[in-house]
Amino acid sequence: MNEVIPYTHLTVSQVIHTKRCKFYGIIVTPDGTNAGYVDIYDGENAVEPLFMRVRCLATETIPVILPAPALLQRGLYISLACTGVLVTVFSEAVE
């Protein structure tokens, strides 16, 4: 059976979930001119606990797919600390 994991495309910092969720992974695609990083928080803003930081070069796409989904307790907030980046987040709400 093939399951489709829900995903969201981002170009700015954004709340993805406001409650518990499963985080499967992230793909960071730079625009070719800007290096930087993307922070993933367990919560609704950048004050919540930092779960992961993904650094990227200006010309290298970085995929980070977890071997098993992480259960984030407070929600999911993605903070982009660079410009010109496309981020694809794989996650789903937990009921």
N, C-alpha and C. Protein backbone atom coordinates (compact mmCIF):
# COMPACT_ATOMS: atom_id res chain seq x y z
N MET A 1 0.84 -1.17 0.00
CA MET A 1 0.00 0.00 0.00
C MET A 1 0.89 1.24 0.00
N ASN A 2 0.62 2.16 -0.90
CA ASN A 2 1.38 3.41 -0.96
C ASN A 2 0.63 4.49 -0.20
N GLU A 3 1.32 5.12 0.74
CA GLU A 3 0.74 6.24 1.47
C GLU A 3 1.35 7.52 0.94
N VAL A 4 0.54 8.53 0.82
CA VAL A 4 1.02 9.84 0.40
C VAL A 4 1.18 10.69 1.66
N ILE A 5 2.38 11.20 1.88
CA ILE A 5 2.64 12.05 3.04
C ILE A 5 2.31 13.48 2.65
N PRO A 6 1.46 14.16 3.43
CA PRO A 6 1.12 15.54 3.13
C PRO A 6 2.36 16.45 3.17
N TYR A 7 2.38 17.45 2.32
CA TYR A 7 3.52 18.37 2.28
C TYR A 7 3.04 19.80 2.07
N THR A 8 3.91 20.73 2.42
CA THR A 8 3.65 22.16 2.27
C THR A 8 4.88 22.81 1.68
N HIS A 9 4.69 23.71 0.70
CA HIS A 9 5.80 24.49 0.14
C HIS A 9 5.82 25.86 0.82
N LEU A 10 7.02 26.31 1.19
CA LEU A 10 7.18 27.61 1.85
C LEU A 10 8.27 28.44 1.17
N THR A 11 8.09 29.75 1.19
CA THR A 11 9.15 30.67 0.80
C THR A 11 9.39 31.72 1.89
N VAL A 12 8.58 31.65 2.95
CA VAL A 12 8.73 32.54 4.12
C VAL A 12 8.51 31.70 5.38
N SER A 13 8.93 32.23 6.52
CA SER A 13 8.70 31.55 7.80
C SER A 13 7.20 31.40 8.03
N GLN A 14 6.83 30.24 8.61
CA GLN A 14 5.39 29.99 8.72
C GLN A 14 5.10 28.90 9.74
N VAL A 15 3.92 29.02 10.40
CA VAL A 15 3.39 27.95 11.24
C VAL A 15 2.74 26.93 10.32
N ILE A 16 3.09 25.66 10.51
CA ILE A 16 2.50 24.59 9.71
C ILE A 16 1.39 23.90 10.51
N HIS A 17 1.64 23.63 11.80
CA HIS A 17 0.65 22.99 12.67
C HIS A 17 0.64 23.72 14.01
N THR A 18 -0.53 23.81 14.62
CA THR A 18 -0.66 24.45 15.92
C THR A 18 -0.86 23.43 17.05
N LYS A 19 -0.92 22.15 16.70
CA LYS A 19 -1.07 21.08 17.70
C LYS A 19 -0.10 19.97 17.36
N ARG A 20 -0.18 18.87 18.10
CA ARG A 20 0.72 17.73 17.87
C ARG A 20 0.71 17.32 16.40
N CYS A 21 1.89 16.93 15.92
CA CYS A 21 2.00 16.52 14.53
C CYS A 21 3.18 15.57 14.35
N LYS A 22 3.15 14.86 13.24
CA LYS A 22 4.27 14.02 12.84
C LYS A 22 5.08 14.79 11.80
N PHE A 23 6.37 14.87 12.04
CA PHE A 23 7.30 15.53 11.11
C PHE A 23 8.13 14.43 10.43
N TYR A 24 8.02 14.35 9.11
CA TYR A 24 8.70 13.31 8.35
C TYR A 24 10.03 13.78 7.76
N GLY A 25 10.08 15.06 7.38
CA GLY A 25 11.31 15.56 6.79
C GLY A 25 11.10 16.90 6.09
N ILE A 26 12.19 17.36 5.48
CA ILE A 26 12.20 18.67 4.85
C ILE A 26 13.20 18.66 3.70
N ILE A 27 12.87 19.41 2.67
CA ILE A 27 13.81 19.61 1.56
C ILE A 27 14.03 21.11 1.42
N VAL A 28 15.28 21.53 1.49
CA VAL A 28 15.64 22.95 1.37
C VAL A 28 16.33 23.15 0.02
N THR A 29 15.72 23.99 -0.82
CA THR A 29 16.25 24.25 -2.16
C THR A 29 16.60 25.73 -2.28
N PRO A 30 17.90 26.07 -2.30
CA PRO A 30 18.31 27.47 -2.43
C PRO A 30 18.14 27.97 -3.86
N ASP A 31 18.22 29.28 -4.02
CA ASP A 31 18.02 29.89 -5.34
C ASP A 31 19.31 30.03 -6.15
N GLY A 32 20.42 29.57 -5.61
CA GLY A 32 21.68 29.66 -6.33
C GLY A 32 22.54 30.84 -5.93
N THR A 33 22.01 31.74 -5.09
CA THR A 33 22.79 32.90 -4.68
C THR A 33 22.92 33.06 -3.17
N ASN A 34 22.04 32.44 -2.40
CA ASN A 34 22.03 32.66 -0.95
C ASN A 34 22.22 31.36 -0.17
N ALA A 35 23.22 31.35 0.69
CA ALA A 35 23.39 30.25 1.64
C ALA A 35 22.67 30.64 2.93
N GLY A 36 22.41 29.68 3.78
CA GLY A 36 21.75 30.00 5.04
C GLY A 36 21.30 28.75 5.76
N TYR A 37 20.25 28.89 6.54
CA TYR A 37 19.73 27.74 7.27
C TYR A 37 18.24 27.90 7.49
N VAL A 38 17.61 26.77 7.81
CA VAL A 38 16.19 26.71 8.14
C VAL A 38 16.09 26.04 9.50
N ASP A 39 15.34 26.65 10.41
CA ASP A 39 15.13 26.08 11.74
C ASP A 39 13.73 25.48 11.83
N ILE A 40 13.65 24.32 12.46
CA ILE A 40 12.38 23.64 12.68
C ILE A 40 12.12 23.64 14.18
N TYR A 41 10.98 24.20 14.59
CA TYR A 41 10.64 24.33 16.01
C TYR A 41 9.45 23.45 16.38
N ASP A 42 9.50 22.90 17.59
CA ASP A 42 8.39 22.15 18.16
C ASP A 42 7.46 23.15 18.84
N GLY A 43 6.63 23.80 18.04
CA GLY A 43 5.72 24.81 18.56
C GLY A 43 5.23 25.73 17.47
N GLU A 44 4.71 26.88 17.88
CA GLU A 44 4.08 27.81 16.94
C GLU A 44 4.92 29.04 16.60
N ASN A 45 6.14 29.13 17.17
CA ASN A 45 6.99 30.28 16.88
C ASN A 45 8.44 29.94 17.21
N ALA A 46 9.32 30.90 17.01
CA ALA A 46 10.76 30.68 17.21
C ALA A 46 11.18 30.75 18.67
N VAL A 47 10.23 30.92 19.59
CA VAL A 47 10.54 30.90 21.02
C VAL A 47 10.44 29.47 21.56
N GLU A 48 9.75 28.62 20.83
CA GLU A 48 9.55 27.22 21.23
C GLU A 48 10.87 26.45 21.09
N PRO A 49 10.93 25.21 21.60
CA PRO A 49 12.17 24.43 21.51
C PRO A 49 12.59 24.16 20.06
N LEU A 50 13.87 24.36 19.80
CA LEU A 50 14.42 24.07 18.47
C LEU A 50 14.55 22.57 18.31
N PHE A 51 13.95 22.03 17.26
CA PHE A 51 14.01 20.60 16.99
C PHE A 51 15.19 20.26 16.08
N MET A 52 15.41 21.08 15.06
CA MET A 52 16.45 20.77 14.08
C MET A 52 16.83 22.03 13.30
N ARG A 53 18.09 22.10 12.89
CA ARG A 53 18.56 23.16 12.00
C ARG A 53 19.15 22.50 10.75
N VAL A 54 18.73 22.98 9.59
CA VAL A 54 19.24 22.47 8.31
C VAL A 54 19.99 23.61 7.63
N ARG A 55 21.29 23.42 7.45
CA ARG A 55 22.12 24.42 6.77
C ARG A 55 22.21 24.08 5.30
N CYS A 56 22.25 25.11 4.46
CA CYS A 56 22.37 24.86 3.03
C CYS A 56 23.35 25.84 2.40
N LEU A 57 24.04 25.34 1.40
CA LEU A 57 24.89 26.18 0.56
C LEU A 57 24.01 26.86 -0.47
N ALA A 58 24.57 27.84 -1.16
CA ALA A 58 23.78 28.58 -2.14
C ALA A 58 23.35 27.73 -3.33
N THR A 59 24.08 26.67 -3.61
CA THR A 59 23.83 25.91 -4.84
C THR A 59 23.52 24.43 -4.61
N GLU A 60 23.22 24.05 -3.38
CA GLU A 60 23.01 22.63 -3.09
C GLU A 60 21.68 22.39 -2.38
N THR A 61 20.82 21.58 -2.98
CA THR A 61 19.56 21.19 -2.34
C THR A 61 19.86 20.18 -1.24
N ILE A 62 19.23 20.39 -0.08
CA ILE A 62 19.46 19.53 1.07
C ILE A 62 18.16 18.81 1.44
N PRO A 63 18.09 17.50 1.20
CA PRO A 63 16.93 16.74 1.67
C PRO A 63 17.24 16.10 3.02
N VAL A 64 16.35 16.22 3.97
CA VAL A 64 16.48 15.55 5.26
C VAL A 64 15.18 14.79 5.50
N ILE A 65 15.23 13.48 5.31
CA ILE A 65 14.07 12.63 5.53
C ILE A 65 14.39 11.72 6.71
N LEU A 66 13.58 11.80 7.75
CA LEU A 66 13.83 11.03 8.96
C LEU A 66 13.50 9.55 8.72
N PRO A 67 14.24 8.64 9.34
CA PRO A 67 13.95 7.21 9.16
C PRO A 67 12.60 6.81 9.76
N ALA A 68 12.15 7.55 10.76
CA ALA A 68 10.82 7.37 11.35
C ALA A 68 10.31 8.77 11.70
N PRO A 69 9.01 9.01 11.60
CA PRO A 69 8.52 10.36 11.88
C PRO A 69 8.77 10.77 13.32
N ALA A 70 9.06 12.05 13.51
CA ALA A 70 9.22 12.62 14.85
C ALA A 70 7.86 13.16 15.29
N LEU A 71 7.50 12.89 16.53
CA LEU A 71 6.25 13.41 17.07
C LEU A 71 6.55 14.73 17.78
N LEU A 72 6.08 15.82 17.19
CA LEU A 72 6.26 17.14 17.79
C LEU A 72 5.01 17.43 18.63
N GLN A 73 5.22 17.81 19.88
CA GLN A 73 4.13 17.92 20.85
C GLN A 73 3.35 19.24 20.78
N ARG A 74 4.01 20.32 20.38
CA ARG A 74 3.40 21.65 20.47
C ARG A 74 2.97 22.24 19.14
N GLY A 75 3.32 21.60 18.04
CA GLY A 75 3.04 22.14 16.72
C GLY A 75 4.30 22.13 15.88
N LEU A 76 4.27 22.86 14.79
CA LEU A 76 5.42 22.89 13.88
C LEU A 76 5.55 24.28 13.28
N TYR A 77 6.70 24.91 13.52
CA TYR A 77 7.00 26.23 12.97
C TYR A 77 8.30 26.13 12.21
N ILE A 78 8.32 26.66 10.99
CA ILE A 78 9.51 26.66 10.15
C ILE A 78 9.98 28.10 10.01
N SER A 79 11.24 28.34 10.37
CA SER A 79 11.84 29.67 10.30
C SER A 79 12.95 29.67 9.25
N LEU A 80 12.79 30.50 8.22
CA LEU A 80 13.80 30.61 7.17
C LEU A 80 14.75 31.75 7.50
N ALA A 81 16.02 31.44 7.67
CA ALA A 81 17.02 32.45 8.01
C ALA A 81 17.84 32.81 6.77
N CYS A 82 17.20 32.78 5.63
CA CYS A 82 17.85 33.16 4.38
C CYS A 82 16.75 33.53 3.38
N THR A 83 17.12 34.22 2.33
CA THR A 83 16.14 34.62 1.33
C THR A 83 16.32 33.78 0.07
N GLY A 84 15.28 33.75 -0.73
CA GLY A 84 15.35 33.04 -1.99
C GLY A 84 15.41 31.53 -1.86
N VAL A 85 14.78 30.99 -0.84
CA VAL A 85 14.82 29.55 -0.59
C VAL A 85 13.41 28.98 -0.70
N LEU A 86 13.30 27.82 -1.33
CA LEU A 86 12.05 27.08 -1.37
C LEU A 86 12.19 25.90 -0.41
N VAL A 87 11.25 25.76 0.50
CA VAL A 87 11.28 24.68 1.48
C VAL A 87 10.04 23.83 1.30
N THR A 88 10.23 22.52 1.27
CA THR A 88 9.12 21.58 1.24
C THR A 88 9.14 20.81 2.55
N VAL A 89 8.03 20.90 3.30
CA VAL A 89 7.92 20.27 4.61
C VAL A 89 6.93 19.11 4.52
N PHE A 90 7.35 17.95 5.01
CA PHE A 90 6.51 16.75 5.02
C PHE A 90 6.04 16.52 6.46
N SER A 91 4.73 16.68 6.70
CA SER A 91 4.21 16.54 8.06
C SER A 91 2.70 16.30 7.99
N GLU A 92 2.16 15.84 9.12
CA GLU A 92 0.71 15.68 9.21
C GLU A 92 0.27 15.82 10.66
N ALA A 93 -0.95 16.31 10.83
CA ALA A 93 -1.50 16.49 12.16
C ALA A 93 -1.78 15.13 12.81
N VAL A 94 -1.70 15.10 14.13
CA VAL A 94 -2.01 13.91 14.91
C VAL A 94 -3.25 14.22 15.73
N GLU A 95 -4.23 13.35 15.66
CA GLU A 95 -5.47 13.60 16.39
C GLU A 95 -5.51 12.86 17.68
